[in-house]
Amino acid sequence: MRTLYSGSLAGSSLGMSIAGGAFHVDGHNTEIIRLTDVSGRNVVTLKWDGKDNQGNVLQSGDYFIIAKVTPAGGSQYSLSQTVDMVVDKINLFSGLVGVFPNPASSRAVVIIQTTEPGVVFDIRVWNMAGELVKEMSLDSGSTQRLSWNLDSSSGSDLTDGAYVVEFSGRDQATGQVDRKTFKFAILRNQ
């Protein structure tokens, strides 16, 4: 269990409730705490966007919420609740993603289609020995293309064989990460 919110609020004759059970967050504000006066009218509603202090969307899981209220009289009241937070995942890849042609002989094109603005994509290529042999990156746009001459990060030609290509997108606004992994082959002597 992790503490999600811990703070104090000033007020008088307040009732307090914390969202129980499961609630969904998607980088937008979701009501989690409601303070009411003695007649049941809403006084304060606290909303949370599902992000930590660094602005990254937290993973789905169980969290512990603590809310503390200090009325004008000075006595402090607290309420705590364990909640199951479900992060609604945004698909950062909205269309074609991959390295084409596959297999390739001399050149390839890396293609990523997305509708999400503010996403940075990292492309990593590993050989079958598990060695990272190439890193590339693309900024978001509706369709991004990168021409690749099948070289390693050091500039030498990659040898014929099978490779694993990972596409990793990170939304700069929410911190959410989405990944896709593909097999890719180089056959220079076709």
C-alpha atoms as a PDB file:
ATOM      1  CA  MET A   1       0.000   0.000   0.000  1.00  0.00           C
ATOM      2  CA  ARG A   2       1.205   3.511  -0.803  1.00  0.00           C
ATOM      3  CA  THR A   3      -0.035   6.851   0.471  1.00  0.00           C
ATOM      4  CA  LEU A   4      -1.765   8.608  -2.395  1.00  0.00           C
ATOM      5  CA  TYR A   5      -2.882  11.819  -0.715  1.00  0.00           C
ATOM      6  CA  SER A   6      -2.161  13.128   2.746  1.00  0.00           C
ATOM      7  CA  GLY A   7      -3.037  16.681   3.641  1.00  0.00           C
ATOM      8  CA  SER A   8      -5.078  18.990   5.824  1.00  0.00           C
ATOM      9  CA  LEU A   9      -8.043  21.134   4.874  1.00  0.00           C
ATOM     10  CA  ALA A  10      -9.570  23.912   6.963  1.00  0.00           C
ATOM     11  CA  GLY A  11     -13.338  24.104   7.352  1.00  0.00           C
ATOM     12  CA  SER A  12     -16.163  23.743   9.820  1.00  0.00           C
ATOM     13  CA  SER A  13     -18.848  21.109  10.450  1.00  0.00           C
ATOM     14  CA  LEU A  14     -17.692  19.059   7.508  1.00  0.00           C
ATOM     15  CA  GLY A  15     -18.488  15.508   6.542  1.00  0.00           C
ATOM     16  CA  MET A  16     -15.979  13.715   4.366  1.00  0.00           C
ATOM     17  CA  SER A  17     -16.071  10.814   1.970  1.00  0.00           C
ATOM     18  CA  ILE A  18     -13.387   9.140  -0.097  1.00  0.00           C
ATOM     19  CA  ALA A  19     -14.111   7.298  -3.315  1.00  0.00           C
ATOM     20  CA  GLY A  20     -14.147   3.603  -2.466  1.00  0.00           C
ATOM     21  CA  GLY A  21     -13.730   0.509  -4.570  1.00  0.00           C
ATOM     22  CA  ALA A  22     -12.158   1.012  -7.977  1.00  0.00           C
ATOM     23  CA  PHE A  23     -11.876   4.306  -9.801  1.00  0.00           C
ATOM     24  CA  HIS A  24     -10.402   5.130 -13.182  1.00  0.00           C
ATOM     25  CA  VAL A  25      -7.880   7.822 -14.059  1.00  0.00           C
ATOM     26  CA  ASP A  26      -6.637   8.691 -17.522  1.00  0.00           C
ATOM     27  CA  GLY A  27      -4.459  11.753 -17.028  1.00  0.00           C
ATOM     28  CA  HIS A  28      -7.554  13.912 -16.422  1.00  0.00           C
ATOM     29  CA  ASN A  29      -8.992  14.909 -13.047  1.00  0.00           C
ATOM     30  CA  THR A  30     -11.095  12.281 -11.268  1.00  0.00           C
ATOM     31  CA  GLU A  31     -13.025  13.027  -8.086  1.00  0.00           C
ATOM     32  CA  ILE A  32     -11.593  11.111  -5.146  1.00  0.00           C
ATOM     33  CA  ILE A  33     -12.518  13.123  -2.028  1.00  0.00           C
ATOM     34  CA  ARG A  34     -15.725  15.050  -1.308  1.00  0.00           C
ATOM     35  CA  LEU A  35     -16.280  17.315   1.715  1.00  0.00           C
ATOM     36  CA  THR A  36     -19.856  18.259   2.603  1.00  0.00           C
ATOM     37  CA  ASP A  37     -21.448  20.517   5.203  1.00  0.00           C
ATOM     38  CA  VAL A  38     -23.901  19.167   7.807  1.00  0.00           C
ATOM     39  CA  SER A  39     -26.836  19.512   5.399  1.00  0.00           C
ATOM     40  CA  GLY A  40     -25.072  17.339   2.828  1.00  0.00           C
ATOM     41  CA  ARG A  41     -24.219  20.133   0.391  1.00  0.00           C
ATOM     42  CA  ASN A  42     -20.884  19.898  -1.391  1.00  0.00           C
ATOM     43  CA  VAL A  43     -18.320  22.284   0.061  1.00  0.00           C
ATOM     44  CA  VAL A  44     -15.075  21.017  -1.473  1.00  0.00           C
ATOM     45  CA  THR A  45     -14.361  18.328  -4.006  1.00  0.00           C
ATOM     46  CA  LEU A  46     -10.775  17.237  -4.420  1.00  0.00           C
ATOM     47  CA  LYS A  47      -9.812  15.826  -7.773  1.00  0.00           C
ATOM     48  CA  TRP A  48      -6.688  13.983  -8.763  1.00  0.00           C
ATOM     49  CA  ASP A  49      -5.266  13.304 -12.218  1.00  0.00           C
ATOM     50  CA  GLY A  50      -3.535  10.024 -11.342  1.00  0.00           C
ATOM     51  CA  LYS A  51      -0.034  11.536 -11.520  1.00  0.00           C
ATOM     52  CA  ASP A  52       2.774  11.445  -8.968  1.00  0.00           C
ATOM     53  CA  ASN A  53       4.739  14.528  -7.849  1.00  0.00           C
ATOM     54  CA  GLN A  54       6.952  14.318 -10.960  1.00  0.00           C
ATOM     55  CA  GLY A  55       3.934  14.361 -13.308  1.00  0.00           C
ATOM     56  CA  ASN A  56       4.044  10.665 -14.260  1.00  0.00           C
ATOM     57  CA  VAL A  57       0.827   8.638 -14.366  1.00  0.00           C
ATOM     58  CA  LEU A  58       0.965   5.990 -11.651  1.00  0.00           C
ATOM     59  CA  GLN A  59       0.482   2.318 -12.425  1.00  0.00           C
ATOM     60  CA  SER A  60      -2.804   0.577 -11.706  1.00  0.00           C
ATOM     61  CA  GLY A  61      -2.871  -0.887  -8.204  1.00  0.00           C
ATOM     62  CA  ASP A  62      -3.980  -0.495  -4.602  1.00  0.00           C
ATOM     63  CA  TYR A  63      -3.367   2.873  -2.954  1.00  0.00           C
ATOM     64  CA  PHE A  64      -4.062   4.234   0.514  1.00  0.00           C
ATOM     65  CA  ILE A  65      -5.723   7.679   0.722  1.00  0.00           C
ATOM     66  CA  ILE A  66      -5.613   9.733   3.919  1.00  0.00           C
ATOM     67  CA  ALA A  67      -7.602  12.972   4.204  1.00  0.00           C
ATOM     68  CA  LYS A  68      -7.419  15.193   7.295  1.00  0.00           C
ATOM     69  CA  VAL A  69      -9.865  17.991   8.160  1.00  0.00           C
ATOM     70  CA  THR A  70      -9.292  20.641  10.813  1.00  0.00           C
ATOM     71  CA  PRO A  71     -12.528  22.588  11.534  1.00  0.00           C
ATOM     72  CA  ALA A  72     -12.425  26.078  13.004  1.00  0.00           C
ATOM     73  CA  GLY A  73     -12.656  24.528  16.503  1.00  0.00           C
ATOM     74  CA  GLY A  74      -9.210  23.024  16.082  1.00  0.00           C
ATOM     75  CA  SER A  75      -9.927  19.285  16.444  1.00  0.00           C
ATOM     76  CA  GLN A  76      -8.524  17.287  13.577  1.00  0.00           C
ATOM     77  CA  TYR A  77     -10.514  14.522  11.903  1.00  0.00           C
ATOM     78  CA  SER A  78      -9.084  12.055   9.456  1.00  0.00           C
ATOM     79  CA  LEU A  79     -10.508   9.465   7.117  1.00  0.00           C
ATOM     80  CA  SER A  80      -8.581   6.834   5.246  1.00  0.00           C
ATOM     81  CA  GLN A  81      -9.572   4.444   2.522  1.00  0.00           C
ATOM     82  CA  THR A  82      -7.824   1.818   0.444  1.00  0.00           C
ATOM     83  CA  VAL A  83      -8.752   2.224  -3.206  1.00  0.00           C
ATOM     84  CA  ASP A  84      -8.067   0.214  -6.319  1.00  0.00           C
ATOM     85  CA  MET A  85      -6.961   2.656  -9.003  1.00  0.00           C
ATOM     86  CA  VAL A  86      -7.289   1.553 -12.618  1.00  0.00           C
ATOM     87  CA  VAL A  87      -5.264   3.595 -15.091  1.00  0.00           C
ATOM     88  CA  ASP A  88      -7.053   3.800 -18.426  1.00  0.00           C
ATOM     89  CA  LYS A  89      -4.215   3.216 -20.849  1.00  0.00           C
ATOM     90  CA  ILE A  90      -3.907   5.447 -23.873  1.00  0.00           C
ATOM     91  CA  ASN A  91      -2.753   3.680 -27.028  1.00  0.00           C
ATOM     92  CA  LEU A  92       0.103   5.848 -28.271  1.00  0.00           C
ATOM     93  CA  PHE A  93       0.358   3.817 -31.485  1.00  0.00           C
ATOM     94  CA  SER A  94      -2.766   4.484 -33.543  1.00  0.00           C
ATOM     95  CA  GLY A  95      -1.840   2.912 -36.850  1.00  0.00           C
ATOM     96  CA  LEU A  96       1.041   1.431 -38.772  1.00  0.00           C
ATOM     97  CA  VAL A  97       4.150   0.695 -36.699  1.00  0.00           C
ATOM     98  CA  GLY A  98       7.177  -1.238 -37.906  1.00  0.00           C
ATOM     99  CA  VAL A  99      10.289  -1.547 -40.038  1.00  0.00           C
ATOM    100  CA  PHE A 100       9.680  -2.058 -43.761  1.00  0.00           C
ATOM    101  CA  PRO A 101      10.452  -4.043 -45.842  1.00  0.00           C
ATOM    102  CA  ASN A 102      10.870  -7.069 -43.625  1.00  0.00           C
ATOM    103  CA  PRO A 103      13.204  -8.735 -44.387  1.00  0.00           C
ATOM    104  CA  ALA A 104      15.375  -5.898 -45.678  1.00  0.00           C
ATOM    105  CA  SER A 105      18.531  -6.084 -47.780  1.00  0.00           C
ATOM    106  CA  SER A 106      20.115  -2.622 -47.935  1.00  0.00           C
ATOM    107  CA  ARG A 107      17.751   0.007 -46.489  1.00  0.00           C
ATOM    108  CA  ALA A 108      14.639   0.056 -44.353  1.00  0.00           C
ATOM    109  CA  VAL A 109      12.064   2.616 -43.310  1.00  0.00           C
ATOM    110  CA  VAL A 110      10.927   2.925 -39.696  1.00  0.00           C
ATOM    111  CA  ILE A 111       7.271   4.051 -39.610  1.00  0.00           C
ATOM    112  CA  ILE A 112       5.177   5.140 -36.621  1.00  0.00           C
ATOM    113  CA  GLN A 113       1.624   6.477 -36.862  1.00  0.00           C
ATOM    114  CA  THR A 114       0.066   8.220 -33.857  1.00  0.00           C
ATOM    115  CA  THR A 115      -2.748  10.639 -33.142  1.00  0.00           C
ATOM    116  CA  GLU A 116      -1.325  11.663 -29.765  1.00  0.00           C
ATOM    117  CA  PRO A 117       0.611  14.968 -29.708  1.00  0.00           C
ATOM    118  CA  GLY A 118       3.655  15.359 -27.458  1.00  0.00           C
ATOM    119  CA  VAL A 119       4.936  11.798 -27.736  1.00  0.00           C
ATOM    120  CA  VAL A 120       8.619  10.924 -28.127  1.00  0.00           C
ATOM    121  CA  PHE A 121       9.357   7.510 -29.620  1.00  0.00           C
ATOM    122  CA  ASP A 122      12.551   5.577 -28.970  1.00  0.00           C
ATOM    123  CA  ILE A 123      13.430   2.675 -31.268  1.00  0.00           C
ATOM    124  CA  ARG A 124      15.885   0.047 -30.019  1.00  0.00           C
ATOM    125  CA  VAL A 125      17.252  -2.899 -31.993  1.00  0.00           C
ATOM    126  CA  TRP A 126      18.773  -6.012 -30.378  1.00  0.00           C
ATOM    127  CA  ASN A 127      20.563  -8.917 -32.015  1.00  0.00           C
ATOM    128  CA  MET A 128      19.733 -12.511 -31.043  1.00  0.00           C
ATOM    129  CA  ALA A 129      22.553 -12.483 -28.479  1.00  0.00           C
ATOM    130  CA  GLY A 130      20.605  -9.785 -26.611  1.00  0.00           C
ATOM    131  CA  GLU A 131      23.041  -6.997 -27.449  1.00  0.00           C
ATOM    132  CA  LEU A 132      21.637  -3.535 -28.103  1.00  0.00           C
ATOM    133  CA  VAL A 133      22.968  -2.695 -31.586  1.00  0.00           C
ATOM    134  CA  LYS A 134      20.992   0.407 -32.649  1.00  0.00           C
ATOM    135  CA  GLU A 135      19.055   3.274 -31.040  1.00  0.00           C
ATOM    136  CA  MET A 136      16.949   5.828 -32.888  1.00  0.00           C
ATOM    137  CA  SER A 137      14.238   8.314 -31.905  1.00  0.00           C
ATOM    138  CA  LEU A 138      11.322  10.149 -33.489  1.00  0.00           C
ATOM    139  CA  ASP A 139       9.073  12.966 -32.289  1.00  0.00           C
ATOM    140  CA  SER A 140       5.331  12.620 -32.546  1.00  0.00           C
ATOM    141  CA  GLY A 141       3.333  13.562 -35.575  1.00  0.00           C
ATOM    142  CA  SER A 142       0.562  11.900 -37.514  1.00  0.00           C
ATOM    143  CA  THR A 143       3.030   9.702 -39.413  1.00  0.00           C
ATOM    144  CA  GLN A 144       6.761   9.677 -38.802  1.00  0.00           C
ATOM    145  CA  ARG A 145       9.238   7.982 -41.139  1.00  0.00           C
ATOM    146  CA  LEU A 146      12.923   7.424 -40.617  1.00  0.00           C
ATOM    147  CA  SER A 147      15.198   6.011 -43.298  1.00  0.00           C
ATOM    148  CA  TRP A 148      17.689   3.486 -41.899  1.00  0.00           C
ATOM    149  CA  ASN A 149      20.666   2.044 -43.814  1.00  0.00           C
ATOM    150  CA  LEU A 150      20.747  -1.050 -41.521  1.00  0.00           C
ATOM    151  CA  ASP A 151      23.793   0.161 -39.605  1.00  0.00           C
ATOM    152  CA  SER A 152      24.567  -0.147 -35.905  1.00  0.00           C
ATOM    153  CA  SER A 153      24.863   2.802 -33.530  1.00  0.00           C
ATOM    154  CA  SER A 154      28.646   2.696 -34.122  1.00  0.00           C
ATOM    155  CA  GLY A 155      28.082   3.016 -37.905  1.00  0.00           C
ATOM    156  CA  SER A 156      29.052  -0.496 -39.005  1.00  0.00           C
ATOM    157  CA  ASP A 157      26.714  -2.589 -41.167  1.00  0.00           C
ATOM    158  CA  LEU A 158      24.569  -5.069 -39.251  1.00  0.00           C
ATOM    159  CA  THR A 159      25.053  -8.669 -40.344  1.00  0.00           C
ATOM    160  CA  ASP A 160      22.407 -10.912 -41.873  1.00  0.00           C
ATOM    161  CA  GLY A 161      20.124 -12.410 -39.273  1.00  0.00           C
ATOM    162  CA  ALA A 162      17.147 -11.898 -37.023  1.00  0.00           C
ATOM    163  CA  TYR A 163      16.723  -8.886 -34.741  1.00  0.00           C
ATOM    164  CA  VAL A 164      14.203  -7.669 -32.180  1.00  0.00           C
ATOM    165  CA  VAL A 165      12.934  -4.103 -32.611  1.00  0.00           C
ATOM    166  CA  GLU A 166      11.228  -2.318 -29.703  1.00  0.00           C
ATOM    167  CA  PHE A 167       9.173   0.842 -30.219  1.00  0.00           C
ATOM    168  CA  SER A 168       8.695   2.761 -26.977  1.00  0.00           C
ATOM    169  CA  GLY A 169       6.480   5.864 -26.889  1.00  0.00           C
ATOM    170  CA  ARG A 170       6.376   8.255 -23.926  1.00  0.00           C
ATOM    171  CA  ASP A 171       3.627  10.837 -23.609  1.00  0.00           C
ATOM    172  CA  GLN A 172       5.374  14.002 -22.372  1.00  0.00           C
ATOM    173  CA  ALA A 173       2.187  15.325 -20.715  1.00  0.00           C
ATOM    174  CA  THR A 174       1.185  12.230 -18.720  1.00  0.00           C
ATOM    175  CA  GLY A 175       4.407  10.227 -18.517  1.00  0.00           C
ATOM    176  CA  GLN A 176       2.577   7.180 -19.822  1.00  0.00           C
ATOM    177  CA  VAL A 177       4.664   4.663 -21.766  1.00  0.00           C
ATOM    178  CA  ASP A 178       3.447   2.306 -24.479  1.00  0.00           C
ATOM    179  CA  ARG A 179       5.616  -0.347 -26.167  1.00  0.00           C
ATOM    180  CA  LYS A 180       5.454  -2.596 -29.194  1.00  0.00           C
ATOM    181  CA  THR A 181       8.017  -5.262 -30.085  1.00  0.00           C
ATOM    182  CA  PHE A 182       8.601  -6.893 -33.476  1.00  0.00           C
ATOM    183  CA  LYS A 183      10.978  -9.353 -35.096  1.00  0.00           C
ATOM    184  CA  PHE A 184      12.982  -7.996 -38.013  1.00  0.00           C
ATOM    185  CA  ALA A 185      15.378  -9.714 -40.428  1.00  0.00           C
ATOM    186  CA  ILE A 186      18.293  -8.548 -42.558  1.00  0.00           C
ATOM    187  CA  LEU A 187      19.105 -10.595 -45.650  1.00  0.00           C
ATOM    188  CA  ARG A 188      21.660  -8.664 -47.701  1.00  0.00           C
ATOM    189  CA  ASN A 189      22.271 -11.427 -50.292  1.00  0.00           C
ATOM    190  CA  GLN A 190      18.761 -11.869 -51.659  1.00  0.00           C
END
